[in-house]
Amino acid sequence: MQDLAPDPLGLDAWLGVIAAEYVSGFVPAGGGTLKIAVVGDALIAPTALRLARLARDHGLHAGAIDAARTRLHMPQDLFFALTRALPWPVMTQAFLERLFGDNGYRWPRPGQPLSRAALAEALGIAPPLLGNEINSWLTRAIWHERAYALDFRGAMLALVTAALDPEANAAAPVHRWLQGEKAPSAPLRAAGIGGRITRANARAMLISLCHWVRACGAAGLLVTLDARRLYQAGAPPVGELRYSPAAVMDTYEVLRELIDDAEHLPGLFVAVLTTDAMIGGEPRRALDHYDALKMRVWPDVRPGQGQNPVAPMVWLGA
């Protein structure tokens, strides 16, 4: 494949297409997609920064994941990295304000957390009556929302109710669970969370997360994956991961699953940033070695001698 690489697209031109065709319309409307950008090593960090800026300009949350520190071949680790990148208190507050607005009440102090008691006083509603109303709203908005996995529903109910009772500090164990960290089992059981997030349920949790991000008022989530580490054999620097050729193939399988699941991942834009080592590097790590992904991304049809800027895989230059 090395000799088939076309002349590179300009980064500015490609980002303009991504802005016009994806982050300003398709993604906020609920679309999901994955793009692979083959760039020079020195251009990966600037590309990631500009994509993050583009996301924020269009109301998306942005997350950056580095294969050197996150095991991309483990789908649950990808989920954990995404949860660590998100502003959970901001999202929870936005969800509550939308919840109240959808049910005919204006949040008394926009952007500021308030307890149930403070809300009852500000709205002039008897605390027991408001408490019953809130419980009913949360049941409809979270517990009965079939887009969320069952454990995810319990986790989000716990986070939202904890925001209405900040002195209880009940959110911390749930945050640790969402990020793959060890958490005490008693508060997790009390929240209705039945087990750890593993490879077996990572897909359902990612789908749930995409729906939740949008329920909290964001247009979606733009994630950049720096994949350079996949193609570096030998001992890695201290603190960084090493990928065997088998782990690289497993990573390709995770990416293939993301492509095939795109219709179930509303508002998710994944940009895989890599170098030409993916194309012409070590054969056991190259894209040629995994047809299931290559067949989904390789641009077989090109306009003239150029590239299609909306293709799943593009080559970029400065």
C-alpha atoms as a PDB file:
ATOM      1  CA  MET A   1       0.000   0.000   0.000  1.00  0.00           C
ATOM      2  CA  GLN A   2       2.940   2.322   0.555  1.00  0.00           C
ATOM      3  CA  ASP A   3       3.186   3.338  -3.093  1.00  0.00           C
ATOM      4  CA  LEU A   4      -0.541   4.064  -3.254  1.00  0.00           C
ATOM      5  CA  ALA A   5      -0.459   6.916  -0.756  1.00  0.00           C
ATOM      6  CA  PRO A   6      -1.728  10.051  -2.530  1.00  0.00           C
ATOM      7  CA  ASP A   7      -0.501  13.597  -2.303  1.00  0.00           C
ATOM      8  CA  PRO A   8      -1.464  14.911   1.138  1.00  0.00           C
ATOM      9  CA  LEU A   9      -4.429  17.152   1.792  1.00  0.00           C
ATOM     10  CA  GLY A  10      -3.732  20.423   3.524  1.00  0.00           C
ATOM     11  CA  LEU A  11      -4.614  20.326   7.209  1.00  0.00           C
ATOM     12  CA  ASP A  12      -6.555  23.587   6.973  1.00  0.00           C
ATOM     13  CA  ALA A  13      -8.619  22.273   4.063  1.00  0.00           C
ATOM     14  CA  TRP A  14      -9.421  19.003   5.820  1.00  0.00           C
ATOM     15  CA  LEU A  15     -10.390  20.724   9.072  1.00  0.00           C
ATOM     16  CA  GLY A  16     -12.651  23.029   7.077  1.00  0.00           C
ATOM     17  CA  VAL A  17     -14.455  20.008   5.648  1.00  0.00           C
ATOM     18  CA  ILE A  18     -14.702  18.375   9.080  1.00  0.00           C
ATOM     19  CA  ALA A  19     -16.199  21.582  10.472  1.00  0.00           C
ATOM     20  CA  ALA A  20     -18.691  22.037   7.651  1.00  0.00           C
ATOM     21  CA  GLU A  21     -19.728  18.418   7.098  1.00  0.00           C
ATOM     22  CA  TYR A  22     -19.484  16.924  10.576  1.00  0.00           C
ATOM     23  CA  VAL A  23     -19.105  18.981  13.746  1.00  0.00           C
ATOM     24  CA  SER A  24     -21.529  21.724  12.707  1.00  0.00           C
ATOM     25  CA  GLY A  25     -24.273  19.449  11.421  1.00  0.00           C
ATOM     26  CA  PHE A  26     -23.976  15.668  11.167  1.00  0.00           C
ATOM     27  CA  VAL A  27     -22.597  15.030  14.661  1.00  0.00           C
ATOM     28  CA  PRO A  28     -24.910  17.455  16.552  1.00  0.00           C
ATOM     29  CA  ALA A  29     -27.825  15.875  14.671  1.00  0.00           C
ATOM     30  CA  GLY A  30     -26.916  12.518  16.224  1.00  0.00           C
ATOM     31  CA  GLY A  31     -24.487  11.061  13.727  1.00  0.00           C
ATOM     32  CA  GLY A  32     -21.433   9.058  14.693  1.00  0.00           C
ATOM     33  CA  THR A  33     -18.256   8.479  12.689  1.00  0.00           C
ATOM     34  CA  LEU A  34     -14.596   7.466  12.825  1.00  0.00           C
ATOM     35  CA  LYS A  35     -11.867   9.001  10.662  1.00  0.00           C
ATOM     36  CA  ILE A  36      -8.228   7.967  10.283  1.00  0.00           C
ATOM     37  CA  ALA A  37      -5.753  10.741   9.477  1.00  0.00           C
ATOM     38  CA  VAL A  38      -2.243   9.765   8.376  1.00  0.00           C
ATOM     39  CA  VAL A  39       0.020  12.691   9.231  1.00  0.00           C
ATOM     40  CA  GLY A  40       3.650  13.416   9.893  1.00  0.00           C
ATOM     41  CA  ASP A  41       4.789  12.763  13.447  1.00  0.00           C
ATOM     42  CA  ALA A  42       5.299  16.459  14.151  1.00  0.00           C
ATOM     43  CA  LEU A  43       1.786  17.284  12.958  1.00  0.00           C
ATOM     44  CA  ILE A  44      -0.137  14.939  15.267  1.00  0.00           C
ATOM     45  CA  ALA A  45      -0.173  17.178  18.349  1.00  0.00           C
ATOM     46  CA  PRO A  46      -1.168  20.355  16.424  1.00  0.00           C
ATOM     47  CA  THR A  47      -3.917  18.408  14.624  1.00  0.00           C
ATOM     48  CA  ALA A  48      -5.297  17.122  17.925  1.00  0.00           C
ATOM     49  CA  LEU A  49      -5.277  20.630  19.404  1.00  0.00           C
ATOM     50  CA  ARG A  50      -7.089  22.113  16.432  1.00  0.00           C
ATOM     51  CA  LEU A  51      -9.704  19.352  16.481  1.00  0.00           C
ATOM     52  CA  ALA A  52     -10.286  20.001  20.183  1.00  0.00           C
ATOM     53  CA  ARG A  53     -10.717  23.719  19.502  1.00  0.00           C
ATOM     54  CA  LEU A  54     -13.117  22.906  16.688  1.00  0.00           C
ATOM     55  CA  ALA A  55     -15.147  20.708  19.042  1.00  0.00           C
ATOM     56  CA  ARG A  56     -15.441  23.397  21.704  1.00  0.00           C
ATOM     57  CA  ASP A  57     -16.419  26.004  19.108  1.00  0.00           C
ATOM     58  CA  HIS A  58     -19.371  23.817  18.091  1.00  0.00           C
ATOM     59  CA  GLY A  59     -20.568  22.742  21.530  1.00  0.00           C
ATOM     60  CA  LEU A  60     -18.925  19.327  21.698  1.00  0.00           C
ATOM     61  CA  HIS A  61     -16.864  17.967  24.548  1.00  0.00           C
ATOM     62  CA  ALA A  62     -13.313  17.091  23.529  1.00  0.00           C
ATOM     63  CA  GLY A  63     -11.099  14.266  24.728  1.00  0.00           C
ATOM     64  CA  ALA A  64      -7.546  13.270  23.799  1.00  0.00           C
ATOM     65  CA  ILE A  65      -6.353   9.687  24.270  1.00  0.00           C
ATOM     66  CA  ASP A  66      -2.768   8.549  23.765  1.00  0.00           C
ATOM     67  CA  ALA A  67      -2.033   4.908  22.959  1.00  0.00           C
ATOM     68  CA  ALA A  68       1.170   5.295  24.945  1.00  0.00           C
ATOM     69  CA  ARG A  69      -0.868   5.546  28.156  1.00  0.00           C
ATOM     70  CA  THR A  70      -4.239   3.942  27.356  1.00  0.00           C
ATOM     71  CA  ARG A  71      -4.583   0.345  26.166  1.00  0.00           C
ATOM     72  CA  LEU A  72      -6.502   0.966  22.975  1.00  0.00           C
ATOM     73  CA  HIS A  73      -6.898  -2.765  22.402  1.00  0.00           C
ATOM     74  CA  MET A  74      -9.052  -2.976  25.548  1.00  0.00           C
ATOM     75  CA  PRO A  75     -12.470  -1.381  24.872  1.00  0.00           C
ATOM     76  CA  GLN A  76     -13.160  -0.848  28.560  1.00  0.00           C
ATOM     77  CA  ASP A  77      -9.928   1.149  28.882  1.00  0.00           C
ATOM     78  CA  LEU A  78     -11.055   3.347  25.999  1.00  0.00           C
ATOM     79  CA  PHE A  79     -14.307   3.942  27.878  1.00  0.00           C
ATOM     80  CA  PHE A  80     -12.439   4.750  31.103  1.00  0.00           C
ATOM     81  CA  ALA A  81     -10.242   7.272  29.279  1.00  0.00           C
ATOM     82  CA  LEU A  82     -13.337   8.961  27.859  1.00  0.00           C
ATOM     83  CA  THR A  83     -14.975   9.233  31.277  1.00  0.00           C
ATOM     84  CA  ARG A  84     -11.816  10.798  32.700  1.00  0.00           C
ATOM     85  CA  ALA A  85     -11.884  13.415  29.933  1.00  0.00           C
ATOM     86  CA  LEU A  86     -15.437  14.586  30.649  1.00  0.00           C
ATOM     87  CA  PRO A  87     -16.447  17.422  33.038  1.00  0.00           C
ATOM     88  CA  TRP A  88     -18.905  15.414  35.124  1.00  0.00           C
ATOM     89  CA  PRO A  89     -19.994  18.131  37.592  1.00  0.00           C
ATOM     90  CA  VAL A  90     -20.690  20.518  34.701  1.00  0.00           C
ATOM     91  CA  MET A  91     -22.617  17.835  32.845  1.00  0.00           C
ATOM     92  CA  THR A  92     -24.670  16.869  35.883  1.00  0.00           C
ATOM     93  CA  GLN A  93     -25.565  20.485  36.541  1.00  0.00           C
ATOM     94  CA  ALA A  94     -26.578  20.976  32.907  1.00  0.00           C
ATOM     95  CA  PHE A  95     -28.733  17.851  33.054  1.00  0.00           C
ATOM     96  CA  LEU A  96     -30.542  19.082  36.158  1.00  0.00           C
ATOM     97  CA  GLU A  97     -31.212  22.507  34.679  1.00  0.00           C
ATOM     98  CA  ARG A  98     -32.608  20.929  31.506  1.00  0.00           C
ATOM     99  CA  LEU A  99     -34.685  18.522  33.586  1.00  0.00           C
ATOM    100  CA  PHE A 100     -36.275  21.353  35.531  1.00  0.00           C
ATOM    101  CA  GLY A 101     -36.807  23.397  32.372  1.00  0.00           C
ATOM    102  CA  ASP A 102     -38.466  20.478  30.596  1.00  0.00           C
ATOM    103  CA  ASN A 103     -40.906  20.218  33.503  1.00  0.00           C
ATOM    104  CA  GLY A 104     -41.845  23.878  33.663  1.00  0.00           C
ATOM    105  CA  TYR A 105     -39.434  25.245  36.263  1.00  0.00           C
ATOM    106  CA  ARG A 106     -36.513  27.602  35.798  1.00  0.00           C
ATOM    107  CA  TRP A 107     -33.404  26.715  37.776  1.00  0.00           C
ATOM    108  CA  PRO A 108     -33.153  29.562  40.327  1.00  0.00           C
ATOM    109  CA  ARG A 109     -29.404  30.150  39.941  1.00  0.00           C
ATOM    110  CA  PRO A 110     -28.183  28.926  36.552  1.00  0.00           C
ATOM    111  CA  GLY A 111     -24.806  27.248  36.741  1.00  0.00           C
ATOM    112  CA  GLN A 112     -24.895  26.878  40.524  1.00  0.00           C
ATOM    113  CA  PRO A 113     -25.622  23.578  42.310  1.00  0.00           C
ATOM    114  CA  LEU A 114     -28.520  23.704  44.764  1.00  0.00           C
ATOM    115  CA  SER A 115     -29.766  21.182  47.287  1.00  0.00           C
ATOM    116  CA  ARG A 116     -33.351  19.950  47.304  1.00  0.00           C
ATOM    117  CA  ALA A 117     -34.073  22.150  50.316  1.00  0.00           C
ATOM    118  CA  ALA A 118     -32.627  25.245  48.634  1.00  0.00           C
ATOM    119  CA  LEU A 119     -34.583  24.508  45.467  1.00  0.00           C
ATOM    120  CA  ALA A 120     -37.824  24.088  47.393  1.00  0.00           C
ATOM    121  CA  GLU A 121     -37.308  27.427  49.133  1.00  0.00           C
ATOM    122  CA  ALA A 122     -36.349  29.266  45.940  1.00  0.00           C
ATOM    123  CA  LEU A 123     -39.294  27.847  43.997  1.00  0.00           C
ATOM    124  CA  GLY A 124     -41.793  28.222  46.822  1.00  0.00           C
ATOM    125  CA  ILE A 125     -42.743  24.543  46.818  1.00  0.00           C
ATOM    126  CA  ALA A 126     -43.139  22.338  49.875  1.00  0.00           C
ATOM    127  CA  PRO A 127     -39.989  20.178  50.120  1.00  0.00           C
ATOM    128  CA  PRO A 128     -41.829  16.812  50.175  1.00  0.00           C
ATOM    129  CA  LEU A 129     -43.866  17.766  47.112  1.00  0.00           C
ATOM    130  CA  LEU A 130     -40.838  18.950  45.161  1.00  0.00           C
ATOM    131  CA  GLY A 131     -38.930  15.838  46.208  1.00  0.00           C
ATOM    132  CA  ASN A 132     -41.676  13.619  44.829  1.00  0.00           C
ATOM    133  CA  GLU A 133     -41.741  15.609  41.601  1.00  0.00           C
ATOM    134  CA  ILE A 134     -37.977  15.325  41.134  1.00  0.00           C
ATOM    135  CA  ASN A 135     -38.039  11.580  41.764  1.00  0.00           C
ATOM    136  CA  SER A 136     -40.751  11.196  39.145  1.00  0.00           C
ATOM    137  CA  TRP A 137     -38.822  13.264  36.594  1.00  0.00           C
ATOM    138  CA  LEU A 138     -35.633  11.274  37.180  1.00  0.00           C
ATOM    139  CA  THR A 139     -37.478   7.998  36.831  1.00  0.00           C
ATOM    140  CA  ARG A 140     -38.783   9.010  33.424  1.00  0.00           C
ATOM    141  CA  ALA A 141     -35.601  10.702  32.208  1.00  0.00           C
ATOM    142  CA  ILE A 142     -33.063   8.103  33.383  1.00  0.00           C
ATOM    143  CA  TRP A 143     -34.525   4.877  34.727  1.00  0.00           C
ATOM    144  CA  HIS A 144     -36.991   4.426  31.860  1.00  0.00           C
ATOM    145  CA  GLU A 145     -34.510   5.518  29.171  1.00  0.00           C
ATOM    146  CA  ARG A 146     -33.767   2.328  27.248  1.00  0.00           C
ATOM    147  CA  ALA A 147     -30.748   3.842  25.514  1.00  0.00           C
ATOM    148  CA  TYR A 148     -28.871   3.460  28.825  1.00  0.00           C
ATOM    149  CA  ALA A 149     -27.506   0.149  30.100  1.00  0.00           C
ATOM    150  CA  LEU A 150     -29.003  -0.850  33.431  1.00  0.00           C
ATOM    151  CA  ASP A 151     -25.856  -0.223  35.479  1.00  0.00           C
ATOM    152  CA  PHE A 152     -25.390   3.092  33.697  1.00  0.00           C
ATOM    153  CA  ARG A 153     -28.910   4.162  34.731  1.00  0.00           C
ATOM    154  CA  GLY A 154     -28.102   3.422  38.333  1.00  0.00           C
ATOM    155  CA  ALA A 155     -24.828   5.336  38.089  1.00  0.00           C
ATOM    156  CA  MET A 156     -26.413   8.433  36.541  1.00  0.00           C
ATOM    157  CA  LEU A 157     -29.267   8.435  39.067  1.00  0.00           C
ATOM    158  CA  ALA A 158     -26.669   8.298  41.826  1.00  0.00           C
ATOM    159  CA  LEU A 159     -24.682  11.202  40.349  1.00  0.00           C
ATOM    160  CA  VAL A 160     -27.742  13.397  39.837  1.00  0.00           C
ATOM    161  CA  THR A 161     -29.240  12.712  43.259  1.00  0.00           C
ATOM    162  CA  ALA A 162     -25.815  13.276  44.826  1.00  0.00           C
ATOM    163  CA  ALA A 163     -25.723  16.715  43.194  1.00  0.00           C
ATOM    164  CA  LEU A 164     -28.995  17.506  45.008  1.00  0.00           C
ATOM    165  CA  ASP A 165     -27.478  16.393  48.310  1.00  0.00           C
ATOM    166  CA  PRO A 166     -23.837  17.516  48.072  1.00  0.00           C
ATOM    167  CA  GLU A 167     -23.031  16.946  51.747  1.00  0.00           C
ATOM    168  CA  ALA A 168     -23.505  13.190  51.342  1.00  0.00           C
ATOM    169  CA  ASN A 169     -20.450  12.906  49.039  1.00  0.00           C
ATOM    170  CA  ALA A 170     -22.124   9.954  47.316  1.00  0.00           C
ATOM    171  CA  ALA A 171     -20.773  10.728  43.841  1.00  0.00           C
ATOM    172  CA  ALA A 172     -17.129   9.795  44.479  1.00  0.00           C
ATOM    173  CA  PRO A 173     -17.542   5.983  44.392  1.00  0.00           C
ATOM    174  CA  VAL A 174     -19.575   6.208  41.183  1.00  0.00           C
ATOM    175  CA  HIS A 175     -16.938   8.382  39.518  1.00  0.00           C
ATOM    176  CA  ARG A 176     -14.262   5.844  40.476  1.00  0.00           C
ATOM    177  CA  TRP A 177     -16.386   3.027  39.047  1.00  0.00           C
ATOM    178  CA  LEU A 178     -16.905   4.925  35.783  1.00  0.00           C
ATOM    179  CA  GLN A 179     -13.153   5.454  35.471  1.00  0.00           C
ATOM    180  CA  GLY A 180     -12.230   1.829  36.153  1.00  0.00           C
ATOM    181  CA  GLU A 181     -10.827   2.465  39.603  1.00  0.00           C
ATOM    182  CA  LYS A 182     -11.446   0.352  42.684  1.00  0.00           C
ATOM    183  CA  ALA A 183     -14.492   1.620  44.575  1.00  0.00           C
ATOM    184  CA  PRO A 184     -16.260   0.426  47.753  1.00  0.00           C
ATOM    185  CA  SER A 185     -18.971  -2.058  46.852  1.00  0.00           C
ATOM    186  CA  ALA A 186     -21.649  -0.934  49.332  1.00  0.00           C
ATOM    187  CA  PRO A 187     -22.444   2.462  47.726  1.00  0.00           C
ATOM    188  CA  LEU A 188     -22.312   0.877  44.273  1.00  0.00           C
ATOM    189  CA  ARG A 189     -24.835  -1.765  45.288  1.00  0.00           C
ATOM    190  CA  ALA A 190     -27.002   0.933  46.841  1.00  0.00           C
ATOM    191  CA  ALA A 191     -26.972   2.721  43.464  1.00  0.00           C
ATOM    192  CA  GLY A 192     -28.060  -0.438  41.664  1.00  0.00           C
ATOM    193  CA  ILE A 193     -24.677  -1.036  40.043  1.00  0.00           C
ATOM    194  CA  GLY A 194     -24.166  -4.744  39.682  1.00  0.00           C
ATOM    195  CA  GLY A 195     -20.572  -5.197  38.545  1.00  0.00           C
ATOM    196  CA  ARG A 196     -17.403  -3.824  36.999  1.00  0.00           C
ATOM    197  CA  ILE A 197     -17.090  -2.406  33.506  1.00  0.00           C
ATOM    198  CA  THR A 198     -15.293  -5.026  31.420  1.00  0.00           C
ATOM    199  CA  ARG A 199     -14.757  -5.951  27.795  1.00  0.00           C
ATOM    200  CA  ALA A 200     -18.132  -7.715  27.878  1.00  0.00           C
ATOM    201  CA  ASN A 201     -20.189  -4.591  28.655  1.00  0.00           C
ATOM    202  CA  ALA A 202     -17.898  -1.797  27.402  1.00  0.00           C
ATOM    203  CA  ARG A 203     -19.882  -1.427  24.167  1.00  0.00           C
ATOM    204  CA  ALA A 204     -23.182  -0.944  26.012  1.00  0.00           C
ATOM    205  CA  MET A 205     -21.539   1.544  28.360  1.00  0.00           C
ATOM    206  CA  LEU A 206     -20.063   3.554  25.484  1.00  0.00           C
ATOM    207  CA  ILE A 207     -23.454   3.726  23.761  1.00  0.00           C
ATOM    208  CA  SER A 208     -24.980   4.879  27.052  1.00  0.00           C
ATOM    209  CA  LEU A 209     -22.288   7.509  27.505  1.00  0.00           C
ATOM    210  CA  CYS A 210     -22.886   8.979  24.049  1.00  0.00           C
ATOM    211  CA  HIS A 211     -26.598   9.359  24.800  1.00  0.00           C
ATOM    212  CA  TRP A 212     -25.863  10.842  28.237  1.00  0.00           C
ATOM    213  CA  VAL A 213     -23.473  13.492  26.897  1.00  0.00           C
ATOM    214  CA  ARG A 214     -26.266  14.741  24.632  1.00  0.00           C
ATOM    215  CA  ALA A 215     -28.862  14.548  27.415  1.00  0.00           C
ATOM    216  CA  CYS A 216     -26.589  16.916  29.355  1.00  0.00           C
ATOM    217  CA  GLY A 217     -26.845  19.557  26.643  1.00  0.00           C
ATOM    218  CA  ALA A 218     -23.651  19.003  24.638  1.00  0.00           C
ATOM    219  CA  ALA A 219     -23.791  18.478  20.886  1.00  0.00           C
ATOM    220  CA  GLY A 220     -21.595  15.413  21.198  1.00  0.00           C
ATOM    221  CA  LEU A 221     -18.088  14.186  21.923  1.00  0.00           C
ATOM    222  CA  LEU A 222     -15.002  14.538  19.725  1.00  0.00           C
ATOM    223  CA  VAL A 223     -12.162  12.171  20.608  1.00  0.00           C
ATOM    224  CA  THR A 224      -8.649  12.121  19.192  1.00  0.00           C
ATOM    225  CA  LEU A 225      -6.651   8.887  19.434  1.00  0.00           C
ATOM    226  CA  ASP A 226      -2.889   9.288  19.094  1.00  0.00           C
ATOM    227  CA  ALA A 227      -1.981   5.858  17.715  1.00  0.00           C
ATOM    228  CA  ARG A 228       1.772   6.280  17.213  1.00  0.00           C
ATOM    229  CA  ARG A 229       2.710   3.919  20.035  1.00  0.00           C
ATOM    230  CA  LEU A 230       1.123   0.987  18.155  1.00  0.00           C
ATOM    231  CA  TYR A 231       3.959   1.005  15.624  1.00  0.00           C
ATOM    232  CA  GLN A 232       6.924   1.344  17.964  1.00  0.00           C
ATOM    233  CA  ALA A 233       8.510  -2.013  18.748  1.00  0.00           C
ATOM    234  CA  GLY A 234      10.996  -2.601  21.532  1.00  0.00           C
ATOM    235  CA  ALA A 235      11.050  -1.409  25.104  1.00  0.00           C
ATOM    236  CA  PRO A 236       8.996   1.763  25.588  1.00  0.00           C
ATOM    237  CA  PRO A 237      10.003   4.724  27.755  1.00  0.00           C
ATOM    238  CA  VAL A 238       9.213   4.423  31.461  1.00  0.00           C
ATOM    239  CA  GLY A 239       5.515   4.828  32.118  1.00  0.00           C
ATOM    240  CA  GLU A 240       4.427   4.101  28.553  1.00  0.00           C
ATOM    241  CA  LEU A 241       2.802   1.015  27.105  1.00  0.00           C
ATOM    242  CA  ARG A 242       4.209  -1.562  24.729  1.00  0.00           C
ATOM    243  CA  TYR A 243       2.008  -3.152  22.070  1.00  0.00           C
ATOM    244  CA  SER A 244       2.695  -6.584  20.659  1.00  0.00           C
ATOM    245  CA  PRO A 245       1.632  -7.212  17.045  1.00  0.00           C
ATOM    246  CA  ALA A 246      -1.346  -9.157  18.435  1.00  0.00           C
ATOM    247  CA  ALA A 247      -2.346  -6.150  20.547  1.00  0.00           C
ATOM    248  CA  VAL A 248      -2.189  -3.945  17.449  1.00  0.00           C
ATOM    249  CA  MET A 249      -4.577  -6.329  15.668  1.00  0.00           C
ATOM    250  CA  ASP A 250      -6.878  -6.190  18.705  1.00  0.00           C
ATOM    251  CA  THR A 251      -6.784  -2.393  18.471  1.00  0.00           C
ATOM    252  CA  TYR A 252      -7.804  -2.611  14.823  1.00  0.00           C
ATOM    253  CA  GLU A 253     -10.718  -4.777  15.919  1.00  0.00           C
ATOM    254  CA  VAL A 254     -11.799  -2.119  18.447  1.00  0.00           C
ATOM    255  CA  LEU A 255     -11.669   0.515  15.694  1.00  0.00           C
ATOM    256  CA  ARG A 256     -13.625  -1.763  13.362  1.00  0.00           C
ATOM    257  CA  GLU A 257     -16.292  -2.185  16.041  1.00  0.00           C
ATOM    258  CA  LEU A 258     -16.531   1.591  16.475  1.00  0.00           C
ATOM    259  CA  ILE A 259     -17.109   1.984  12.727  1.00  0.00           C
ATOM    260  CA  ASP A 260     -19.760  -0.715  12.651  1.00  0.00           C
ATOM    261  CA  ASP A 261     -21.461   0.720  15.740  1.00  0.00           C
ATOM    262  CA  ALA A 262     -21.452   4.323  14.490  1.00  0.00           C
ATOM    263  CA  GLU A 263     -25.230   4.439  14.048  1.00  0.00           C
ATOM    264  CA  HIS A 264     -25.619   3.534  17.731  1.00  0.00           C
ATOM    265  CA  LEU A 265     -23.095   6.131  18.964  1.00  0.00           C
ATOM    266  CA  PRO A 266     -24.908   9.460  18.570  1.00  0.00           C
ATOM    267  CA  GLY A 267     -22.731  12.547  18.576  1.00  0.00           C
ATOM    268  CA  LEU A 268     -19.422  10.651  18.639  1.00  0.00           C
ATOM    269  CA  PHE A 269     -16.611  11.743  16.312  1.00  0.00           C
ATOM    270  CA  VAL A 270     -13.418   9.709  16.646  1.00  0.00           C
ATOM    271  CA  ALA A 271     -10.267  10.922  14.887  1.00  0.00           C
ATOM    272  CA  VAL A 272      -7.448   8.381  14.831  1.00  0.00           C
ATOM    273  CA  LEU A 273      -4.163  10.212  14.282  1.00  0.00           C
ATOM    274  CA  THR A 274      -1.338   8.029  13.029  1.00  0.00           C
ATOM    275  CA  THR A 275       1.730   8.051  10.819  1.00  0.00           C
ATOM    276  CA  ASP A 276       2.565   6.232   7.593  1.00  0.00           C
ATOM    277  CA  ALA A 277       3.929   3.394   9.757  1.00  0.00           C
ATOM    278  CA  MET A 278       0.335   2.182   9.747  1.00  0.00           C
ATOM    279  CA  ILE A 279       0.613   1.765   5.979  1.00  0.00           C
ATOM    280  CA  GLY A 280       4.216   0.907   5.216  1.00  0.00           C
ATOM    281  CA  GLY A 281       5.744  -0.059   8.546  1.00  0.00           C
ATOM    282  CA  GLU A 282       6.365  -3.450  10.122  1.00  0.00           C
ATOM    283  CA  PRO A 283       4.134  -5.893   8.184  1.00  0.00           C
ATOM    284  CA  ARG A 284       2.789  -7.581  11.343  1.00  0.00           C
ATOM    285  CA  ARG A 285       1.505  -4.214  12.605  1.00  0.00           C
ATOM    286  CA  ALA A 286       0.374  -2.671   9.324  1.00  0.00           C
ATOM    287  CA  LEU A 287      -3.201  -2.149   8.231  1.00  0.00           C
ATOM    288  CA  ASP A 288      -2.625  -4.662   5.411  1.00  0.00           C
ATOM    289  CA  HIS A 289      -2.506  -7.364   8.084  1.00  0.00           C
ATOM    290  CA  TYR A 290      -6.115  -6.767   9.174  1.00  0.00           C
ATOM    291  CA  ASP A 291      -8.516  -6.823   6.253  1.00  0.00           C
ATOM    292  CA  ALA A 292     -11.666  -6.251   8.346  1.00  0.00           C
ATOM    293  CA  LEU A 293     -10.566  -2.686   9.134  1.00  0.00           C
ATOM    294  CA  LYS A 294      -8.763  -2.020   5.848  1.00  0.00           C
ATOM    295  CA  MET A 295     -11.890  -2.827   3.831  1.00  0.00           C
ATOM    296  CA  ARG A 296     -13.864  -0.252   5.842  1.00  0.00           C
ATOM    297  CA  VAL A 297     -11.426   2.654   5.573  1.00  0.00           C
ATOM    298  CA  TRP A 298      -9.205   2.250   2.515  1.00  0.00           C
ATOM    299  CA  PRO A 299     -10.165   4.884  -0.097  1.00  0.00           C
ATOM    300  CA  ASP A 300     -10.550   2.767  -3.230  1.00  0.00           C
ATOM    301  CA  VAL A 301     -12.212   5.610  -5.173  1.00  0.00           C
ATOM    302  CA  ARG A 302     -10.509   8.995  -5.483  1.00  0.00           C
ATOM    303  CA  PRO A 303     -11.470  12.127  -7.417  1.00  0.00           C
ATOM    304  CA  GLY A 304      -8.870  12.345 -10.169  1.00  0.00           C
ATOM    305  CA  GLN A 305      -5.395  12.224  -8.663  1.00  0.00           C
ATOM    306  CA  GLY A 306      -6.510  13.792  -5.374  1.00  0.00           C
ATOM    307  CA  GLN A 307      -8.271  12.642  -2.246  1.00  0.00           C
ATOM    308  CA  ASN A 308     -11.846  12.680  -1.084  1.00  0.00           C
ATOM    309  CA  PRO A 309     -11.706  14.842   2.070  1.00  0.00           C
ATOM    310  CA  VAL A 310     -14.720  13.065   3.602  1.00  0.00           C
ATOM    311  CA  ALA A 311     -13.216   9.584   3.097  1.00  0.00           C
ATOM    312  CA  PRO A 312     -12.762   7.426   6.207  1.00  0.00           C
ATOM    313  CA  MET A 313      -8.980   7.606   5.739  1.00  0.00           C
ATOM    314  CA  VAL A 314      -6.988  10.601   4.540  1.00  0.00           C
ATOM    315  CA  TRP A 315      -3.338  11.650   4.264  1.00  0.00           C
ATOM    316  CA  LEU A 316      -2.647  15.124   5.636  1.00  0.00           C
ATOM    317  CA  GLY A 317       0.169  17.635   5.266  1.00  0.00           C
ATOM    318  CA  ALA A 318       0.885  21.036   6.743  1.00  0.00           C
END
